[in-house]
Amino acid sequence: MEERFHMIENYLMIRMPKELDHHQAEILSEKADLLILREPVKNIVFDFEETRFMDSSGVGVVVGRYKKISCFGGKVYAVNADRQIKRIIQISGLKKVLNVIE
């Protein structure tokens, strides 16, 4: 697995990039989807520790993975989100599908 993706038990941990734009979002989505199909993924954790910018494509990454994993009864979490990322999560409505761990 690429260094951005780690499996810990049934959790797929995804370390988000510094800038999550259209290009990065497409790459992350493709790789995450492959892992969801190949590995015993039950839940997804997005780690925003490095992320300083996220546009609507980044929101789409989270929503898309939520749709896939929720079909299997899984949940989606966010960790290490700074004030700016938390604001984007709130404004975009992601808080409805994303469990933000403080």
PDB file of N, CA and C in Angstrom:
ATOM      1  N   MET A   1       0.834  -1.178   0.000  1.00  0.00           N
ATOM      2  CA  MET A   1       0.000   0.000   0.000  1.00  0.00           C
ATOM      3  C   MET A   1       0.879   1.242   0.000  1.00  0.00           C
ATOM      4  N   GLU A   2       0.432   2.231  -0.713  1.00  0.00           N
ATOM      5  CA  GLU A   2       1.162   3.486  -0.728  1.00  0.00           C
ATOM      6  C   GLU A   2       1.205   4.060   0.681  1.00  0.00           C
ATOM      7  N   GLU A   3       2.164   4.908   0.960  1.00  0.00           N
ATOM      8  CA  GLU A   3       2.344   5.437   2.308  1.00  0.00           C
ATOM      9  C   GLU A   3       1.165   6.281   2.803  1.00  0.00           C
ATOM     10  N   ARG A   4       0.312   6.756   1.946  1.00  0.00           N
ATOM     11  CA  ARG A   4      -0.879   7.514   2.353  1.00  0.00           C
ATOM     12  C   ARG A   4      -1.996   6.609   2.872  1.00  0.00           C
ATOM     13  N   PHE A   5      -1.884   5.316   2.606  1.00  0.00           N
ATOM     14  CA  PHE A   5      -2.943   4.375   2.952  1.00  0.00           C
ATOM     15  C   PHE A   5      -2.400   3.303   3.883  1.00  0.00           C
ATOM     16  N   HIS A   6      -3.094   3.078   4.994  1.00  0.00           N
ATOM     17  CA  HIS A   6      -2.689   2.044   5.948  1.00  0.00           C
ATOM     18  C   HIS A   6      -3.934   1.318   6.431  1.00  0.00           C
ATOM     19  N   MET A   7      -3.826   0.024   6.561  1.00  0.00           N
ATOM     20  CA  MET A   7      -4.893  -0.759   7.169  1.00  0.00           C
ATOM     21  C   MET A   7      -4.519  -1.029   8.617  1.00  0.00           C
ATOM     22  N   ILE A   8      -5.419  -0.723   9.532  1.00  0.00           N
ATOM     23  CA  ILE A   8      -5.266  -1.067  10.941  1.00  0.00           C
ATOM     24  C   ILE A   8      -6.544  -1.795  11.314  1.00  0.00           C
ATOM     25  N   GLU A   9      -6.417  -3.107  11.479  1.00  0.00           N
ATOM     26  CA  GLU A   9      -7.560  -4.000  11.659  1.00  0.00           C
ATOM     27  C   GLU A   9      -8.507  -3.792  10.486  1.00  0.00           C
ATOM     28  N   ASN A  10      -9.736  -3.356  10.722  1.00  0.00           N
ATOM     29  CA  ASN A  10     -10.665  -3.178   9.607  1.00  0.00           C
ATOM     30  C   ASN A  10     -10.848  -1.701   9.242  1.00  0.00           C
ATOM     31  N   TYR A  11      -9.921  -0.859   9.666  1.00  0.00           N
ATOM     32  CA  TYR A  11      -9.957   0.566   9.367  1.00  0.00           C
ATOM     33  C   TYR A  11      -8.967   0.887   8.254  1.00  0.00           C
ATOM     34  N   LEU A  12      -9.438   1.598   7.239  1.00  0.00           N
ATOM     35  CA  LEU A  12      -8.550   2.128   6.215  1.00  0.00           C
ATOM     36  C   LEU A  12      -8.217   3.551   6.620  1.00  0.00           C
ATOM     37  N   MET A  13      -6.948   3.786   6.924  1.00  0.00           N
ATOM     38  CA  MET A  13      -6.472   5.107   7.315  1.00  0.00           C
ATOM     39  C   MET A  13      -5.925   5.790   6.063  1.00  0.00           C
ATOM     40  N   ILE A  14      -6.431   6.989   5.771  1.00  0.00           N
ATOM     41  CA  ILE A  14      -5.977   7.735   4.596  1.00  0.00           C
ATOM     42  C   ILE A  14      -5.410   9.072   5.063  1.00  0.00           C
ATOM     43  N   ARG A  15      -4.112   9.251   4.843  1.00  0.00           N
ATOM     44  CA  ARG A  15      -3.452  10.513   5.197  1.00  0.00           C
ATOM     45  C   ARG A  15      -3.642  11.465   4.019  1.00  0.00           C
ATOM     46  N   MET A  16      -4.407  12.506   4.239  1.00  0.00           N
ATOM     47  CA  MET A  16      -4.759  13.438   3.179  1.00  0.00           C
ATOM     48  C   MET A  16      -3.583  14.354   2.854  1.00  0.00           C
ATOM     49  N   PRO A  17      -3.479  14.776   1.582  1.00  0.00           N
ATOM     50  CA  PRO A  17      -2.354  15.635   1.175  1.00  0.00           C
ATOM     51  C   PRO A  17      -2.513  17.066   1.675  1.00  0.00           C
ATOM     52  N   LYS A  18      -1.441  17.835   1.537  1.00  0.00           N
ATOM     53  CA  LYS A  18      -1.443  19.227   1.980  1.00  0.00           C
ATOM     54  C   LYS A  18      -2.509  20.033   1.241  1.00  0.00           C
ATOM     55  N   GLU A  19      -2.593  19.831  -0.077  1.00  0.00           N
ATOM     56  CA  GLU A  19      -3.606  20.502  -0.883  1.00  0.00           C
ATOM     57  C   GLU A  19      -4.470  19.447  -1.551  1.00  0.00           C
ATOM     58  N   LEU A  20      -5.742  19.452  -1.224  1.00  0.00           N
ATOM     59  CA  LEU A  20      -6.668  18.456  -1.756  1.00  0.00           C
ATOM     60  C   LEU A  20      -7.528  19.121  -2.824  1.00  0.00           C
ATOM     61  N   ASP A  21      -7.015  19.078  -4.065  1.00  0.00           N
ATOM     62  CA  ASP A  21      -7.714  19.670  -5.197  1.00  0.00           C
ATOM     63  C   ASP A  21      -8.179  18.573  -6.146  1.00  0.00           C
ATOM     64  N   HIS A  22      -8.661  18.954  -7.328  1.00  0.00           N
ATOM     65  CA  HIS A  22      -9.223  17.997  -8.278  1.00  0.00           C
ATOM     66  C   HIS A  22      -8.246  16.864  -8.613  1.00  0.00           C
ATOM     67  N   HIS A  23      -7.007  17.220  -8.904  1.00  0.00           N
ATOM     68  CA  HIS A  23      -6.015  16.206  -9.292  1.00  0.00           C
ATOM     69  C   HIS A  23      -5.766  15.211  -8.166  1.00  0.00           C
ATOM     70  N   GLN A  24      -5.501  15.710  -6.975  1.00  0.00           N
ATOM     71  CA  GLN A  24      -5.238  14.842  -5.822  1.00  0.00           C
ATOM     72  C   GLN A  24      -6.467  14.013  -5.469  1.00  0.00           C
ATOM     73  N   ALA A  25      -7.660  14.625  -5.581  1.00  0.00           N
ATOM     74  CA  ALA A  25      -8.898  13.943  -5.239  1.00  0.00           C
ATOM     75  C   ALA A  25      -9.121  12.724  -6.127  1.00  0.00           C
ATOM     76  N   GLU A  26      -8.852  12.862  -7.390  1.00  0.00           N
ATOM     77  CA  GLU A  26      -9.042  11.750  -8.328  1.00  0.00           C
ATOM     78  C   GLU A  26      -8.124  10.579  -7.984  1.00  0.00           C
ATOM     79  N   ILE A  27      -6.880  10.870  -7.707  1.00  0.00           N
ATOM     80  CA  ILE A  27      -5.908   9.830  -7.354  1.00  0.00           C
ATOM     81  C   ILE A  27      -6.309   9.138  -6.052  1.00  0.00           C
ATOM     82  N   LEU A  28      -6.649   9.922  -5.026  1.00  0.00           N
ATOM     83  CA  LEU A  28      -7.048   9.351  -3.738  1.00  0.00           C
ATOM     84  C   LEU A  28      -8.284   8.474  -3.875  1.00  0.00           C
ATOM     85  N   SER A  29      -9.272   8.941  -4.612  1.00  0.00           N
ATOM     86  CA  SER A  29     -10.507   8.181  -4.786  1.00  0.00           C
ATOM     87  C   SER A  29     -10.248   6.830  -5.438  1.00  0.00           C
ATOM     88  N   GLU A  30      -9.472   6.832  -6.503  1.00  0.00           N
ATOM     89  CA  GLU A  30      -9.179   5.585  -7.217  1.00  0.00           C
ATOM     90  C   GLU A  30      -8.470   4.580  -6.324  1.00  0.00           C
ATOM     91  N   LYS A  31      -7.442   5.027  -5.622  1.00  0.00           N
ATOM     92  CA  LYS A  31      -6.676   4.113  -4.772  1.00  0.00           C
ATOM     93  C   LYS A  31      -7.502   3.621  -3.586  1.00  0.00           C
ATOM     94  N   ALA A  32      -8.276   4.525  -2.980  1.00  0.00           N
ATOM     95  CA  ALA A  32      -9.118   4.124  -1.852  1.00  0.00           C
ATOM     96  C   ALA A  32     -10.154   3.097  -2.305  1.00  0.00           C
ATOM     97  N   ASP A  33     -10.764   3.319  -3.449  1.00  0.00           N
ATOM     98  CA  ASP A  33     -11.776   2.384  -3.956  1.00  0.00           C
ATOM     99  C   ASP A  33     -11.191   0.999  -4.207  1.00  0.00           C
ATOM    100  N   LEU A  34      -9.992   0.956  -4.742  1.00  0.00           N
ATOM    101  CA  LEU A  34      -9.333  -0.340  -4.955  1.00  0.00           C
ATOM    102  C   LEU A  34      -9.117  -1.069  -3.631  1.00  0.00           C
ATOM    103  N   LEU A  35      -8.667  -0.339  -2.625  1.00  0.00           N
ATOM    104  CA  LEU A  35      -8.427  -0.956  -1.316  1.00  0.00           C
ATOM    105  C   LEU A  35      -9.725  -1.409  -0.662  1.00  0.00           C
ATOM    106  N   ILE A  36     -10.781  -0.634  -0.814  1.00  0.00           N
ATOM    107  CA  ILE A  36     -12.077  -1.011  -0.245  1.00  0.00           C
ATOM    108  C   ILE A  36     -12.545  -2.336  -0.835  1.00  0.00           C
ATOM    109  N   LEU A  37     -12.273  -2.544  -2.097  1.00  0.00           N
ATOM    110  CA  LEU A  37     -12.668  -3.796  -2.754  1.00  0.00           C
ATOM    111  C   LEU A  37     -11.756  -4.966  -2.405  1.00  0.00           C
ATOM    112  N   ARG A  38     -10.461  -4.693  -2.191  1.00  0.00           N
ATOM    113  CA  ARG A  38      -9.488  -5.774  -1.974  1.00  0.00           C
ATOM    114  C   ARG A  38      -9.274  -6.147  -0.519  1.00  0.00           C
ATOM    115  N   GLU A  39      -9.413  -5.188   0.383  1.00  0.00           N
ATOM    116  CA  GLU A  39      -9.100  -5.402   1.789  1.00  0.00           C
ATOM    117  C   GLU A  39     -10.391  -5.508   2.608  1.00  0.00           C
ATOM    118  N   PRO A  40     -10.296  -6.032   3.834  1.00  0.00           N
ATOM    119  CA  PRO A  40     -11.491  -6.132   4.687  1.00  0.00           C
ATOM    120  C   PRO A  40     -11.807  -4.792   5.376  1.00  0.00           C
ATOM    121  N   VAL A  41     -12.100  -3.760   4.580  1.00  0.00           N
ATOM    122  CA  VAL A  41     -12.342  -2.423   5.111  1.00  0.00           C
ATOM    123  C   VAL A  41     -13.770  -2.324   5.640  1.00  0.00           C
ATOM    124  N   LYS A  42     -13.887  -1.931   6.887  1.00  0.00           N
ATOM    125  CA  LYS A  42     -15.195  -1.717   7.513  1.00  0.00           C
ATOM    126  C   LYS A  42     -15.438  -0.219   7.738  1.00  0.00           C
ATOM    127  N   ASN A  43     -14.368   0.511   8.076  1.00  0.00           N
ATOM    128  CA  ASN A  43     -14.461   1.944   8.378  1.00  0.00           C
ATOM    129  C   ASN A  43     -13.299   2.677   7.713  1.00  0.00           C
ATOM    130  N   ILE A  44     -13.492   3.974   7.496  1.00  0.00           N
ATOM    131  CA  ILE A  44     -12.447   4.804   6.891  1.00  0.00           C
ATOM    132  C   ILE A  44     -12.149   5.974   7.816  1.00  0.00           C
ATOM    133  N   VAL A  45     -10.860   6.248   7.997  1.00  0.00           N
ATOM    134  CA  VAL A  45     -10.419   7.397   8.790  1.00  0.00           C
ATOM    135  C   VAL A  45      -9.594   8.300   7.875  1.00  0.00           C
ATOM    136  N   PHE A  46     -10.067   9.524   7.701  1.00  0.00           N
ATOM    137  CA  PHE A  46      -9.325  10.531   6.937  1.00  0.00           C
ATOM    138  C   PHE A  46      -8.507  11.341   7.920  1.00  0.00           C
ATOM    139  N   ASP A  47      -7.187  11.353   7.730  1.00  0.00           N
ATOM    140  CA  ASP A  47      -6.281  12.100   8.597  1.00  0.00           C
ATOM    141  C   ASP A  47      -5.916  13.406   7.888  1.00  0.00           C
ATOM    142  N   PHE A  48      -6.404  14.526   8.417  1.00  0.00           N
ATOM    143  CA  PHE A  48      -6.199  15.838   7.811  1.00  0.00           C
ATOM    144  C   PHE A  48      -5.028  16.601   8.418  1.00  0.00           C
ATOM    145  N   GLU A  49      -4.122  15.924   9.090  1.00  0.00           N
ATOM    146  CA  GLU A  49      -3.030  16.603   9.793  1.00  0.00           C
ATOM    147  C   GLU A  49      -2.220  17.528   8.879  1.00  0.00           C
ATOM    148  N   GLU A  50      -1.924  17.096   7.658  1.00  0.00           N
ATOM    149  CA  GLU A  50      -1.111  17.885   6.736  1.00  0.00           C
ATOM    150  C   GLU A  50      -1.947  18.838   5.877  1.00  0.00           C
ATOM    151  N   THR A  51      -3.248  18.662   5.846  1.00  0.00           N
ATOM    152  CA  THR A  51      -4.108  19.365   4.890  1.00  0.00           C
ATOM    153  C   THR A  51      -4.346  20.815   5.305  1.00  0.00           C
ATOM    154  N   ARG A  52      -4.051  21.719   4.383  1.00  0.00           N
ATOM    155  CA  ARG A  52      -4.256  23.149   4.608  1.00  0.00           C
ATOM    156  C   ARG A  52      -5.270  23.733   3.625  1.00  0.00           C
ATOM    157  N   PHE A  53      -5.569  23.002   2.536  1.00  0.00           N
ATOM    158  CA  PHE A  53      -6.524  23.470   1.534  1.00  0.00           C
ATOM    159  C   PHE A  53      -7.335  22.287   1.031  1.00  0.00           C
ATOM    160  N   MET A  54      -8.650  22.486   0.932  1.00  0.00           N
ATOM    161  CA  MET A  54      -9.521  21.447   0.380  1.00  0.00           C
ATOM    162  C   MET A  54     -10.652  22.143  -0.369  1.00  0.00           C
ATOM    163  N   ASP A  55     -10.808  21.821  -1.660  1.00  0.00           N
ATOM    164  CA  ASP A  55     -11.907  22.397  -2.421  1.00  0.00           C
ATOM    165  C   ASP A  55     -13.048  21.383  -2.521  1.00  0.00           C
ATOM    166  N   SER A  56     -14.015  21.651  -3.371  1.00  0.00           N
ATOM    167  CA  SER A  56     -15.185  20.774  -3.482  1.00  0.00           C
ATOM    168  C   SER A  56     -14.810  19.364  -3.944  1.00  0.00           C
ATOM    169  N   SER A  57     -13.708  19.220  -4.641  1.00  0.00           N
ATOM    170  CA  SER A  57     -13.249  17.885  -5.045  1.00  0.00           C
ATOM    171  C   SER A  57     -12.871  17.056  -3.825  1.00  0.00           C
ATOM    172  N   GLY A  58     -12.277  17.702  -2.832  1.00  0.00           N
ATOM    173  CA  GLY A  58     -11.933  17.021  -1.587  1.00  0.00           C
ATOM    174  C   GLY A  58     -13.172  16.583  -0.833  1.00  0.00           C
ATOM    175  N   VAL A  59     -14.185  17.445  -0.831  1.00  0.00           N
ATOM    176  CA  VAL A  59     -15.467  17.081  -0.220  1.00  0.00           C
ATOM    177  C   VAL A  59     -16.024  15.856  -0.943  1.00  0.00           C
ATOM    178  N   GLY A  60     -15.887  15.834  -2.259  1.00  0.00           N
ATOM    179  CA  GLY A  60     -16.358  14.699  -3.056  1.00  0.00           C
ATOM    180  C   GLY A  60     -15.655  13.401  -2.713  1.00  0.00           C
ATOM    181  N   VAL A  61     -14.371  13.469  -2.384  1.00  0.00           N
ATOM    182  CA  VAL A  61     -13.631  12.275  -1.973  1.00  0.00           C
ATOM    183  C   VAL A  61     -14.289  11.665  -0.742  1.00  0.00           C
ATOM    184  N   VAL A  62     -14.565  12.496   0.239  1.00  0.00           N
ATOM    185  CA  VAL A  62     -15.162  12.013   1.484  1.00  0.00           C
ATOM    186  C   VAL A  62     -16.563  11.460   1.234  1.00  0.00           C
ATOM    187  N   VAL A  63     -17.392  12.208   0.510  1.00  0.00           N
ATOM    188  CA  VAL A  63     -18.760  11.766   0.243  1.00  0.00           C
ATOM    189  C   VAL A  63     -18.772  10.462  -0.547  1.00  0.00           C
ATOM    190  N   GLY A  64     -17.926  10.368  -1.550  1.00  0.00           N
ATOM    191  CA  GLY A  64     -17.866   9.158  -2.366  1.00  0.00           C
ATOM    192  C   GLY A  64     -17.469   7.922  -1.575  1.00  0.00           C
ATOM    193  N   ARG A  65     -16.475   8.056  -0.712  1.00  0.00           N
ATOM    194  CA  ARG A  65     -16.048   6.922   0.108  1.00  0.00           C
ATOM    195  C   ARG A  65     -17.113   6.605   1.153  1.00  0.00           C
ATOM    196  N   TYR A  66     -17.790   7.629   1.666  1.00  0.00           N
ATOM    197  CA  TYR A  66     -18.887   7.388   2.602  1.00  0.00           C
ATOM    198  C   TYR A  66     -19.970   6.540   1.935  1.00  0.00           C
ATOM    199  N   LYS A  67     -20.340   6.898   0.721  1.00  0.00           N
ATOM    200  CA  LYS A  67     -21.383   6.149   0.008  1.00  0.00           C
ATOM    201  C   LYS A  67     -20.989   4.694  -0.172  1.00  0.00           C
ATOM    202  N   LYS A  68     -19.728   4.459  -0.502  1.00  0.00           N
ATOM    203  CA  LYS A  68     -19.261   3.081  -0.705  1.00  0.00           C
ATOM    204  C   LYS A  68     -19.244   2.290   0.600  1.00  0.00           C
ATOM    205  N   ILE A  69     -18.671   2.863   1.640  1.00  0.00           N
ATOM    206  CA  ILE A  69     -18.474   2.115   2.885  1.00  0.00           C
ATOM    207  C   ILE A  69     -19.776   1.980   3.670  1.00  0.00           C
ATOM    208  N   SER A  70     -20.680   2.947   3.552  1.00  0.00           N
ATOM    209  CA  SER A  70     -21.938   2.857   4.289  1.00  0.00           C
ATOM    210  C   SER A  70     -22.824   1.732   3.754  1.00  0.00           C
ATOM    211  N   CYS A  71     -22.628   1.342   2.511  1.00  0.00           N
ATOM    212  CA  CYS A  71     -23.363   0.192   1.950  1.00  0.00           C
ATOM    213  C   CYS A  71     -23.062  -1.083   2.728  1.00  0.00           C
ATOM    214  N   PHE A  72     -21.891  -1.137   3.343  1.00  0.00           N
ATOM    215  CA  PHE A  72     -21.466  -2.302   4.110  1.00  0.00           C
ATOM    216  C   PHE A  72     -21.642  -2.079   5.613  1.00  0.00           C
ATOM    217  N   GLY A  73     -22.310  -0.987   5.989  1.00  0.00           N
ATOM    218  CA  GLY A  73     -22.530  -0.684   7.399  1.00  0.00           C
ATOM    219  C   GLY A  73     -21.363   0.008   8.065  1.00  0.00           C
ATOM    220  N   GLY A  74     -20.403   0.482   7.271  1.00  0.00           N
ATOM    221  CA  GLY A  74     -19.222   1.136   7.819  1.00  0.00           C
ATOM    222  C   GLY A  74     -19.437   2.608   8.107  1.00  0.00           C
ATOM    223  N   LYS A  75     -18.453   3.201   8.781  1.00  0.00           N
ATOM    224  CA  LYS A  75     -18.505   4.615   9.144  1.00  0.00           C
ATOM    225  C   LYS A  75     -17.256   5.324   8.642  1.00  0.00           C
ATOM    226  N   VAL A  76     -17.356   6.654   8.586  1.00  0.00           N
ATOM    227  CA  VAL A  76     -16.251   7.482   8.111  1.00  0.00           C
ATOM    228  C   VAL A  76     -15.912   8.501   9.199  1.00  0.00           C
ATOM    229  N   TYR A  77     -14.617   8.657   9.456  1.00  0.00           N
ATOM    230  CA  TYR A  77     -14.131   9.536  10.518  1.00  0.00           C
ATOM    231  C   TYR A  77     -13.115  10.530   9.966  1.00  0.00           C
ATOM    232  N   ALA A  78     -12.980  11.655  10.660  1.00  0.00           N
ATOM    233  CA  ALA A  78     -11.937  12.642  10.367  1.00  0.00           C
ATOM    234  C   ALA A  78     -11.142  12.883  11.641  1.00  0.00           C
ATOM    235  N   VAL A  79      -9.829  12.898  11.505  1.00  0.00           N
ATOM    236  CA  VAL A  79      -8.954  13.199  12.636  1.00  0.00           C
ATOM    237  C   VAL A  79      -7.973  14.289  12.222  1.00  0.00           C
ATOM    238  N   ASN A  80      -7.467  14.995  13.224  1.00  0.00           N
ATOM    239  CA  ASN A  80      -6.430  16.016  13.041  1.00  0.00           C
ATOM    240  C   ASN A  80      -6.832  17.138  12.083  1.00  0.00           C
ATOM    241  N   ALA A  81      -8.110  17.485  12.067  1.00  0.00           N
ATOM    242  CA  ALA A  81      -8.565  18.583  11.212  1.00  0.00           C
ATOM    243  C   ALA A  81      -8.311  19.912  11.924  1.00  0.00           C
ATOM    244  N   ASP A  82      -7.663  20.841  11.220  1.00  0.00           N
ATOM    245  CA  ASP A  82      -7.447  22.159  11.819  1.00  0.00           C
ATOM    246  C   ASP A  82      -8.724  22.996  11.700  1.00  0.00           C
ATOM    247  N   ARG A  83      -8.663  24.225  12.163  1.00  0.00           N
ATOM    248  CA  ARG A  83      -9.840  25.089  12.188  1.00  0.00           C
ATOM    249  C   ARG A  83     -10.426  25.304  10.793  1.00  0.00           C
ATOM    250  N   GLN A  84      -9.571  25.497   9.801  1.00  0.00           N
ATOM    251  CA  GLN A  84     -10.016  25.730   8.422  1.00  0.00           C
ATOM    252  C   GLN A  84     -10.721  24.501   7.849  1.00  0.00           C
ATOM    253  N   ILE A  85     -10.163  23.330   8.055  1.00  0.00           N
ATOM    254  CA  ILE A  85     -10.766  22.097   7.541  1.00  0.00           C
ATOM    255  C   ILE A  85     -12.075  21.815   8.269  1.00  0.00           C
ATOM    256  N   LYS A  86     -12.120  22.055   9.576  1.00  0.00           N
ATOM    257  CA  LYS A  86     -13.377  21.886  10.324  1.00  0.00           C
ATOM    258  C   LYS A  86     -14.455  22.820   9.786  1.00  0.00           C
ATOM    259  N   ARG A  87     -14.068  24.015   9.415  1.00  0.00           N
ATOM    260  CA  ARG A  87     -15.020  24.980   8.857  1.00  0.00           C
ATOM    261  C   ARG A  87     -15.566  24.464   7.524  1.00  0.00           C
ATOM    262  N   ILE A  88     -14.701  23.936   6.679  1.00  0.00           N
ATOM    263  CA  ILE A  88     -15.138  23.377   5.398  1.00  0.00           C
ATOM    264  C   ILE A  88     -16.085  22.195   5.636  1.00  0.00           C
ATOM    265  N   ILE A  89     -15.752  21.358   6.599  1.00  0.00           N
ATOM    266  CA  ILE A  89     -16.606  20.217   6.945  1.00  0.00           C
ATOM    267  C   ILE A  89     -17.987  20.705   7.377  1.00  0.00           C
ATOM    268  N   GLN A  90     -18.020  21.749   8.181  1.00  0.00           N
ATOM    269  CA  GLN A  90     -19.285  22.293   8.667  1.00  0.00           C
ATOM    270  C   GLN A  90     -20.096  22.919   7.535  1.00  0.00           C
ATOM    271  N   ILE A  91     -19.480  23.797   6.759  1.00  0.00           N
ATOM    272  CA  ILE A  91     -20.174  24.529   5.699  1.00  0.00           C
ATOM    273  C   ILE A  91     -20.679  23.597   4.598  1.00  0.00           C
ATOM    274  N   SER A  92     -19.899  22.594   4.262  1.00  0.00           N
ATOM    275  CA  SER A  92     -20.243  21.691   3.158  1.00  0.00           C
ATOM    276  C   SER A  92     -21.319  20.671   3.528  1.00  0.00           C
ATOM    277  N   GLY A  93     -21.594  20.537   4.809  1.00  0.00           N
ATOM    278  CA  GLY A  93     -22.572  19.544   5.244  1.00  0.00           C
ATOM    279  C   GLY A  93     -21.965  18.167   5.486  1.00  0.00           C
ATOM    280  N   LEU A  94     -20.639  18.073   5.389  1.00  0.00           N
ATOM    281  CA  LEU A  94     -19.969  16.785   5.623  1.00  0.00           C
ATOM    282  C   LEU A  94     -20.198  16.264   7.034  1.00  0.00           C
ATOM    283  N   LYS A  95     -20.500  17.165   7.954  1.00  0.00           N
ATOM    284  CA  LYS A  95     -20.707  16.744   9.342  1.00  0.00           C
ATOM    285  C   LYS A  95     -21.844  15.735   9.467  1.00  0.00           C
ATOM    286  N   LYS A  96     -22.729  15.691   8.469  1.00  0.00           N
ATOM    287  CA  LYS A  96     -23.834  14.747   8.489  1.00  0.00           C
ATOM    288  C   LYS A  96     -23.363  13.309   8.241  1.00  0.00           C
ATOM    289  N   VAL A  97     -22.251  13.153   7.547  1.00  0.00           N
ATOM    290  CA  VAL A  97     -21.766  11.804   7.202  1.00  0.00           C
ATOM    291  C   VAL A  97     -20.404  11.481   7.812  1.00  0.00           C
ATOM    292  N   LEU A  98     -19.750  12.491   8.353  1.00  0.00           N
ATOM    293  CA  LEU A  98     -18.377  12.357   8.840  1.00  0.00           C
ATOM    294  C   LEU A  98     -18.347  12.562  10.338  1.00  0.00           C
ATOM    295  N   ASN A  99     -17.781  11.609  11.060  1.00  0.00           N
ATOM    296  CA  ASN A  99     -17.599  11.719  12.500  1.00  0.00           C
ATOM    297  C   ASN A  99     -16.247  12.391  12.744  1.00  0.00           C
ATOM    298  N   VAL A 100     -16.273  13.622  13.235  1.00  0.00           N
ATOM    299  CA  VAL A 100     -15.036  14.376  13.485  1.00  0.00           C
ATOM    300  C   VAL A 100     -14.564  14.064  14.892  1.00  0.00           C
ATOM    301  N   ILE A 101     -13.368  13.498  14.990  1.00  0.00           N
ATOM    302  CA  ILE A 101     -12.767  13.160  16.272  1.00  0.00           C
ATOM    303  C   ILE A 101     -11.897  14.343  16.693  1.00  0.00           C
ATOM    304  N   GLU A 102     -12.224  14.922  17.842  1.00  0.00           N
ATOM    305  CA  GLU A 102     -11.498  16.102  18.337  1.00  0.00           C
ATOM    306  C   GLU A 102     -10.204  15.704  18.976  1.00  0.00           C
TER     307      GLU A 102
END
